[in-house]
Protein backbone atom coordinates (compact mmCIF):
# COMPACT_ATOMS: atom_id res chain seq x y z
CA MET A 1 -17.99 -49.06 -17.39
CA ILE A 2 -18.28 -44.89 -17.07
CA LYS A 3 -21.21 -45.18 -14.69
CA ALA A 4 -18.99 -47.67 -12.45
CA PHE A 5 -15.91 -45.82 -11.94
CA SER A 6 -18.88 -42.98 -10.95
CA ARG A 7 -20.13 -45.44 -8.49
CA LEU A 8 -16.79 -46.13 -7.21
CA LEU A 9 -15.49 -42.68 -7.01
CA SER A 10 -18.86 -41.56 -5.18
CA PHE A 11 -18.39 -44.68 -2.61
CA VAL A 12 -14.49 -43.63 -1.83
CA TYR A 13 -14.73 -39.98 -2.41
CA PRO A 14 -18.56 -39.07 -1.03
CA ASN A 15 -19.01 -35.68 -1.91
CA ARG A 16 -21.34 -33.53 0.40
CA CYS A 17 -23.51 -31.16 0.76
CA GLY A 18 -21.37 -27.64 0.74
CA PHE A 19 -24.06 -26.49 3.57
CA CYS A 20 -25.70 -30.16 5.88
CA GLY A 21 -22.87 -32.46 4.64
CA ALA A 22 -25.06 -35.05 3.49
CA VAL A 23 -24.12 -37.33 0.60
CA ILE A 24 -25.13 -35.87 -2.70
CA GLU A 25 -24.45 -36.86 -6.50
CA HIS A 26 -21.02 -35.71 -7.63
CA ASP A 27 -22.13 -33.02 -9.69
CA LYS A 28 -24.41 -31.40 -7.52
CA LEU A 29 -23.41 -28.72 -4.97
CA VAL A 30 -26.17 -28.92 -2.70
CA CYS A 31 -28.74 -31.56 -1.45
CA ALA A 32 -32.46 -30.25 -2.66
CA ARG A 33 -33.41 -29.71 1.35
CA CYS A 34 -30.72 -27.12 2.02
CA ALA A 35 -30.68 -25.48 -1.96
CA GLY A 36 -33.96 -24.37 -1.12
CA ARG A 37 -33.97 -22.88 2.28
CA VAL A 38 -30.82 -21.50 1.08
CA GLU A 39 -32.83 -19.43 -1.49
CA THR A 40 -35.79 -18.83 0.83
CA GLU A 41 -32.48 -17.16 3.42
CA ILE A 42 -31.07 -15.01 0.76
CA GLU A 43 -34.57 -13.57 -0.13
CA GLU A 44 -34.96 -12.72 2.90
CA SER A 45 -31.69 -10.81 3.40
CA LYS A 46 -32.00 -8.61 0.76
CA ASN A 47 -32.75 -5.74 2.53
CA ARG A 48 -31.49 -6.30 6.10
CA PHE A 49 -28.64 -3.84 7.43
CA PRO A 50 -24.89 -4.80 7.72
CA LEU A 51 -24.10 -4.99 11.09
CA TYR A 52 -20.80 -3.28 10.00
CA LEU A 53 -22.01 0.27 9.26
CA SER A 54 -22.31 1.06 13.24
CA VAL A 55 -18.63 0.51 14.04
CA GLY A 56 -17.34 3.73 12.98
CA GLU A 57 -14.78 4.26 10.37
CA VAL A 58 -14.63 2.03 7.11
CA ASN A 59 -11.82 2.15 4.72
CA PHE A 60 -13.82 0.19 1.79
CA SER A 61 -16.12 1.85 -0.27
CA GLY A 62 -18.91 -0.99 -0.20
CA CYS A 63 -19.17 -4.36 0.62
CA CYS A 64 -22.05 -6.86 -0.88
CA ALA A 65 -22.64 -9.88 0.75
CA ALA A 66 -24.66 -13.36 -0.98
CA GLY A 67 -26.81 -13.45 2.20
CA SER A 68 -27.12 -12.98 5.77
CA TYR A 69 -24.88 -14.89 8.33
CA ASP A 70 -27.32 -17.12 9.76
CA GLY A 71 -29.28 -20.59 9.08
CA VAL A 72 -28.16 -22.62 6.76
CA ILE A 73 -26.33 -19.66 4.96
CA ARG A 74 -23.89 -19.95 8.41
CA ASP A 75 -23.85 -23.51 8.16
CA GLY A 76 -22.39 -23.18 4.95
CA VAL A 77 -19.52 -20.61 5.59
CA LEU A 78 -18.45 -22.79 8.52
CA ARG A 79 -18.22 -25.72 6.50
CA LEU A 80 -16.36 -23.66 3.90
CA LYS A 81 -14.09 -22.01 7.18
CA TYR A 82 -13.05 -25.08 9.18
CA HIS A 83 -13.71 -28.99 6.95
CA TYR A 84 -13.14 -27.59 3.12
CA GLY A 85 -16.73 -27.59 2.03
CA GLU A 86 -15.85 -25.74 -1.01
CA ASN A 87 -19.44 -26.60 -2.73
CA ALA A 88 -20.79 -24.16 0.09
CA ALA A 89 -18.43 -21.53 -1.35
CA LYS A 90 -19.27 -22.41 -5.67
CA TYR A 91 -23.11 -22.28 -4.80
CA LEU A 92 -23.05 -19.28 -3.57
CA THR A 93 -20.62 -17.16 -5.39
CA PRO A 94 -22.63 -16.73 -8.40
CA LYS A 95 -25.31 -15.13 -6.18
CA LEU A 96 -22.08 -12.76 -5.15
CA ARG A 97 -21.64 -12.39 -8.17
CA ASP A 98 -24.71 -10.99 -9.45
CA ASN A 99 -25.27 -8.61 -6.38
CA LEU A 100 -21.82 -7.28 -7.59
CA TYR A 101 -23.02 -6.78 -11.07
CA ARG A 102 -26.20 -4.84 -9.59
CA ALA A 103 -24.13 -2.30 -7.49
CA GLY A 104 -22.13 -1.62 -10.48
CA VAL A 105 -18.60 -2.32 -8.49
CA VAL A 106 -17.72 -4.73 -10.87
CA SER A 107 -16.83 -2.43 -13.92
CA GLN A 108 -14.79 -0.18 -11.60
CA CYS A 109 -12.39 -3.51 -10.61
CA ASP A 110 -9.20 -3.62 -11.82
CA MET A 111 -7.79 -6.87 -9.78
CA ILE A 112 -9.23 -9.43 -6.86
CA THR A 113 -7.41 -10.08 -3.69
CA PHE A 114 -8.18 -11.50 -0.43
CA VAL A 115 -7.69 -11.60 3.43
CA PRO A 116 -4.62 -13.37 4.45
CA MET A 117 -3.94 -15.65 6.98
CA THR A 118 -0.83 -16.87 8.93
CA LEU A 119 1.21 -19.39 7.34
CA THR A 120 1.03 -21.21 10.38
CA ARG A 121 -2.72 -21.29 10.47
CA LYS A 122 -2.89 -21.66 6.48
CA ASN A 123 -0.62 -24.49 7.10
CA LYS A 124 -2.68 -26.09 9.33
CA LEU A 125 -5.83 -25.87 7.81
CA GLY A 126 -4.36 -26.58 4.13
CA TYR A 127 -6.08 -23.58 2.67
CA ASN A 128 -7.12 -19.78 2.88
CA GLN A 129 -11.03 -19.65 2.44
CA ALA A 130 -11.10 -15.75 1.42
CA GLU A 131 -8.21 -16.96 -1.20
CA ILE A 132 -10.94 -19.60 -2.35
CA ILE A 133 -13.62 -16.95 -2.49
CA ALA A 134 -11.55 -15.10 -4.68
CA ASN A 135 -10.36 -17.54 -7.58
CA LEU A 136 -14.25 -18.49 -7.98
CA LEU A 137 -15.01 -14.92 -8.24
CA SER A 138 -12.11 -14.40 -11.00
CA LYS A 139 -13.24 -17.15 -13.15
CA GLU A 140 -16.88 -15.73 -13.08
CA LEU A 141 -15.96 -12.12 -13.53
CA GLY A 142 -12.90 -12.23 -15.54
CA ILE A 143 -10.91 -10.08 -12.97
CA PRO A 144 -7.41 -11.58 -12.32
CA VAL A 145 -6.33 -12.04 -8.61
CA ALA A 146 -3.56 -10.49 -7.43
CA LYS A 147 -1.93 -12.19 -4.21
CA ASN A 148 0.55 -11.03 -1.11
CA LEU A 149 -0.76 -7.90 -1.49
CA ILE A 150 -1.44 -8.19 2.56
CA LYS A 151 0.00 -10.11 5.02
CA LYS A 152 -1.20 -11.20 8.68
CA LYS A 153 1.10 -11.26 11.42
CA HIS A 154 0.92 -14.37 13.85
CA THR A 155 -1.24 -13.68 16.73
CA ARG A 156 -2.26 -16.00 19.50
CA LYS A 157 -5.88 -14.41 19.47
CA ALA A 158 -8.62 -15.17 17.47
CA GLN A 159 -10.34 -12.61 15.67
CA HIS A 160 -13.62 -13.56 16.31
CA GLU A 161 -12.91 -14.23 20.01
CA GLN A 162 -12.81 -10.70 20.08
CA SER A 163 -15.09 -7.60 21.27
CA LEU A 164 -16.07 -4.93 18.79
CA GLU A 165 -13.08 -2.80 20.27
CA GLN A 166 -10.76 -5.25 20.25
CA ARG A 167 -11.51 -6.42 17.15
CA LYS A 168 -10.69 -3.02 15.96
CA ILE A 169 -7.78 -3.06 17.80
CA LEU A 170 -5.89 -6.36 16.63
CA ALA A 171 -6.88 -6.07 13.12
CA SER A 172 -4.49 -2.30 13.50
CA LYS A 173 -2.03 -4.68 14.74
CA VAL A 174 -1.67 -8.06 12.94
CA TYR A 175 -2.99 -6.80 9.01
CA LYS A 176 0.58 -5.24 7.06
CA THR A 177 2.04 -4.59 3.15
CA GLY A 178 2.29 -7.96 1.87
CA ARG A 179 5.63 -9.40 0.04
CA ASN A 180 4.04 -8.18 -3.53
CA SER A 181 5.16 -4.91 -5.12
CA MET A 182 3.15 -5.05 -7.57
CA ASP A 183 2.39 -0.76 -7.84
CA ILE A 184 -1.64 -0.77 -7.21
CA THR A 185 -1.62 3.02 -7.30
CA GLY A 186 -5.28 4.75 -8.64
CA LYS A 187 -6.26 1.10 -9.05
CA THR A 188 -9.90 -0.26 -7.46
CA VAL A 189 -9.21 -3.23 -5.94
CA LEU A 190 -12.19 -6.12 -5.14
CA LEU A 191 -11.76 -7.60 -1.59
CA CYS A 192 -12.84 -10.92 -0.70
CA ASP A 193 -13.70 -12.66 2.80
CA ASP A 194 -16.01 -15.64 4.20
CA ILE A 195 -18.28 -12.93 6.26
CA VAL A 196 -17.96 -9.85 7.39
CA THR A 197 -19.31 -9.14 10.94
CA SER A 198 -18.30 -6.23 12.71
CA GLY A 199 -15.91 -4.72 9.39
CA SER A 200 -12.56 -4.09 11.11
CA THR A 201 -11.13 -7.00 9.41
CA LEU A 202 -12.03 -5.81 5.66
CA SER A 203 -11.29 -1.43 6.84
CA LYS A 204 -7.87 -2.79 8.14
CA CYS A 205 -6.67 -4.44 4.79
CA ALA A 206 -8.35 -1.97 2.53
CA ARG A 207 -6.43 0.97 4.88
CA VAL A 208 -3.14 -1.31 3.64
CA LEU A 209 -4.24 -1.16 -0.06
CA LYS A 210 -4.98 2.56 0.19
CA ASP A 211 -1.83 3.29 2.01
CA ARG A 212 -0.32 1.41 -0.95
CA GLY A 213 -1.96 3.69 -3.30
CA ALA A 214 -5.29 1.57 -4.59
CA GLU A 215 -7.73 4.46 -4.98
CA LYS A 216 -10.96 2.97 -3.98
CA VAL A 217 -11.52 -1.08 -2.56
CA TYR A 218 -14.80 -2.72 -2.80
CA CYS A 219 -15.73 -5.55 -0.45
CA ALA A 220 -17.09 -9.14 -1.48
CA VAL A 221 -18.46 -11.57 1.48
CA LEU A 222 -20.22 -15.05 1.55
CA ALA A 223 -22.33 -13.56 4.09
CA GLN A 224 -22.33 -10.36 6.63
CA LEU A 225 -23.69 -10.38 9.71
CA SER A 226 -27.06 -7.91 9.54
CA ASP A 227 -29.41 -6.84 12.26
């Protein structure tokens, strides 16, 4: 009976690989082919230099990523970003967790938060991928999530369509203090997003948190743009 129900469930709601979208068993997150490629890409990205360090001032103390934003990992991040491919986030989050422990970040953090999106965008997608990552990391690390510390004002301009200089200008205009009135004075916050490219978004959000009293802000992303 259980096997028959599982087959029916798989037929009605097929489980898909978080990276390529192939139909897989319900207890899997990724197909065998993509799993091997992801592990290879993570190993190859260990010593690659994150490009955000070259953009000037950053307001966060460090940033950890599971891997580089290319290849199969890039496919997985895009599935999460636009197609609710949560399996990619579930697969990569333990890798991110391990990197955070190795960097000595976890023991310092008091709370986790995430880069917000506009209410219009969230209603359209039905979710915020950065919030998904924050919730997964919270379960992995045992650190609570604090929502609405930051808000994003509506804008017609997409961050990923801007030049590096334009991204810094846009980020400085749209990220503001959120409606959560929690006192974070002296706290260390772990700020989550799906990807870091120029670092402008994370830097501005970190600035908002520091203006609210946070002592330090570390960042955690699934993928970083590297050289």
